[in-house]
Amino acid sequence: MATTRRASAVWDGSLLEGGGKVTLDSSGLGTYAVSWPARAEEPNGVTSPEELIAAAHAACFSMALSSGLSKAGTPPTQLRTSVEVDFQPGTGITGIRLSVSGDVPGLDEAGFTAAAEAAKAGCPVSKALSAVPISLTVG
């Protein structure tokens, strides 16, 4: 059965001077301020769509990698994933960089790298973002 998750946003004012709030409706985890300066300049305590995409990608990739490793008989003790999403005003999202390291008893570096590449290819968020170049660093 498919699941649906919801988020919402309210924006007040113009793009450059205004601001908004995005709410994680399904989980009820909170409401977060968003603004153009946080997107195109410095965050200053405010989030952006790209940061939210980075968080979603980090979580999805980690889940996909954990699943793949577990199915192969080498479940991870811990995975550490970080994601950087580049945004160029006037152009859009121009690149995504995944970086992962982990503790996987019984698996060598080559096996971990192969599993990470498979997770990158199979992660639903990676697939949704496939119009953008996505790189992977394993270390």
Protein backbone atom coordinates (compact mmCIF):
# COMPACT_ATOMS: atom_id res chain seq x y z
CA MET A 1 0.00 0.00 0.00
CA ALA A 2 1.33 3.43 -0.94
CA THR A 3 1.88 6.08 1.69
CA THR A 4 1.46 9.80 1.31
CA ARG A 5 3.32 12.41 3.35
CA ARG A 6 2.31 16.03 3.60
CA ALA A 7 4.07 19.31 4.10
CA SER A 8 2.76 22.81 3.58
CA ALA A 9 4.11 26.32 3.19
CA VAL A 10 2.81 29.82 3.78
CA TRP A 11 4.67 32.71 2.16
CA ASP A 12 4.17 36.38 3.08
CA GLY A 13 5.33 39.23 0.87
CA SER A 14 7.63 39.46 -2.11
CA LEU A 15 10.36 36.97 -2.88
CA LEU A 16 13.27 39.17 -1.84
CA GLU A 17 11.78 40.92 1.18
CA GLY A 18 9.24 38.33 2.27
CA GLY A 19 9.50 35.09 4.13
CA GLY A 20 7.59 31.99 4.89
CA LYS A 21 7.19 28.92 6.97
CA VAL A 22 7.16 25.29 5.93
CA THR A 23 5.36 22.78 8.14
CA LEU A 24 5.96 19.05 8.32
CA ASP A 25 2.27 18.16 8.48
CA SER A 26 2.40 14.36 8.45
CA SER A 27 4.83 13.96 11.32
CA GLY A 28 3.92 17.12 13.20
CA LEU A 29 7.60 17.62 13.91
CA GLY A 30 7.53 21.34 13.41
CA THR A 31 7.32 24.48 11.40
CA TYR A 32 10.47 26.04 9.97
CA ALA A 33 11.17 29.51 8.62
CA VAL A 34 12.26 29.84 4.97
CA SER A 35 13.48 32.90 3.07
CA TRP A 36 15.19 33.93 -0.13
CA PRO A 37 18.34 35.13 1.66
CA ALA A 38 18.58 31.73 3.39
CA ARG A 39 18.32 30.10 -0.02
CA ALA A 40 20.66 32.32 -2.03
CA GLU A 41 23.06 33.71 0.59
CA GLU A 42 23.59 32.65 4.22
CA PRO A 43 21.15 30.54 6.27
CA ASN A 44 21.21 32.76 9.39
CA GLY A 45 19.02 30.31 11.29
CA VAL A 46 16.48 29.91 8.47
CA THR A 47 16.15 26.87 6.21
CA SER A 48 15.71 26.50 2.45
CA PRO A 49 14.14 24.03 0.04
CA GLU A 50 17.63 22.76 -0.78
CA GLU A 51 18.42 22.01 2.87
CA LEU A 52 15.15 20.10 3.13
CA ILE A 53 16.03 18.17 -0.04
CA ALA A 54 19.47 17.40 1.41
CA ALA A 55 17.87 16.04 4.59
CA ALA A 56 15.41 13.91 2.63
CA HIS A 57 18.18 12.55 0.41
CA ALA A 58 20.47 11.75 3.37
CA ALA A 59 17.69 9.82 5.11
CA CYS A 60 16.55 7.96 1.98
CA PHE A 61 20.07 7.02 0.89
CA SER A 62 20.94 5.77 4.40
CA MET A 63 17.81 3.63 4.46
CA ALA A 64 18.52 2.22 0.99
CA LEU A 65 22.12 1.43 1.89
CA SER A 66 21.13 -0.19 5.19
CA SER A 67 18.56 -2.32 3.38
CA GLY A 68 21.01 -3.42 0.69
CA LEU A 69 23.71 -4.27 3.19
CA SER A 70 21.28 -6.20 5.38
CA LYS A 71 19.89 -8.17 2.42
CA ALA A 72 23.48 -9.09 1.49
CA GLY A 73 24.07 -10.49 4.99
CA THR A 74 26.26 -7.64 6.24
CA PRO A 75 23.98 -5.34 8.23
CA PRO A 76 25.62 -2.06 9.23
CA THR A 77 26.30 -1.06 12.80
CA GLN A 78 26.16 2.60 11.77
CA LEU A 79 26.02 4.67 8.58
CA ARG A 80 26.97 8.35 8.44
CA THR A 81 25.61 10.18 5.41
CA SER A 82 25.88 13.84 4.52
CA VAL A 83 24.41 15.55 1.47
CA GLU A 84 25.21 18.90 -0.10
CA VAL A 85 22.76 20.45 -2.57
CA ASP A 86 24.02 23.33 -4.72
CA PHE A 87 21.58 26.09 -5.69
CA GLN A 88 22.43 28.74 -8.27
CA PRO A 89 19.97 31.68 -8.36
CA GLY A 90 18.53 31.99 -11.84
CA THR A 91 19.50 28.43 -12.72
CA GLY A 92 18.25 26.17 -9.93
CA ILE A 93 19.73 23.10 -8.31
CA THR A 94 22.98 22.36 -10.11
CA GLY A 95 24.46 19.44 -8.22
CA ILE A 96 24.16 17.06 -5.30
CA ARG A 97 27.03 15.45 -3.43
CA LEU A 98 26.45 12.38 -1.25
CA SER A 99 29.14 11.37 1.22
CA VAL A 100 28.95 8.19 3.28
CA SER A 101 31.02 6.26 5.74
CA GLY A 102 29.99 3.42 7.94
CA ASP A 103 30.74 0.55 10.22
CA VAL A 104 29.88 -2.73 8.53
CA PRO A 105 31.41 -5.80 10.16
CA GLY A 106 32.60 -8.39 7.67
CA LEU A 107 32.59 -6.09 4.62
CA ASP A 108 35.67 -4.69 2.90
CA GLU A 109 35.99 -1.24 1.33
CA ALA A 110 35.24 -2.47 -2.20
CA GLY A 111 32.07 -4.20 -1.01
CA PHE A 112 30.96 -1.10 0.89
CA THR A 113 31.59 1.10 -2.15
CA ALA A 114 29.60 -1.24 -4.41
CA ALA A 115 26.72 -1.27 -1.92
CA ALA A 116 26.80 2.54 -1.68
CA GLU A 117 26.72 2.89 -5.48
CA ALA A 118 23.73 0.54 -5.63
CA ALA A 119 21.96 2.53 -2.91
CA LYS A 120 22.61 5.76 -4.81
CA ALA A 121 21.06 4.26 -7.94
CA GLY A 122 18.11 2.68 -6.11
CA CYS A 123 17.20 5.30 -3.53
CA PRO A 124 13.76 6.75 -4.42
CA VAL A 125 14.93 10.30 -3.68
CA SER A 126 17.99 9.82 -5.93
CA LYS A 127 15.64 8.66 -8.66
CA ALA A 128 13.37 11.68 -8.14
CA LEU A 129 16.36 14.01 -8.36
CA SER A 130 17.99 12.29 -11.34
CA ALA A 131 17.76 15.41 -13.53
CA VAL A 132 20.63 16.80 -11.44
CA PRO A 133 24.18 15.39 -11.34
CA ILE A 134 24.62 13.32 -8.15
CA SER A 135 28.11 12.34 -7.02
CA LEU A 136 29.08 9.90 -4.28
CA THR A 137 32.12 9.87 -2.03
CA VAL A 138 32.72 6.81 0.14
CA GLY A 139 35.14 7.13 2.97
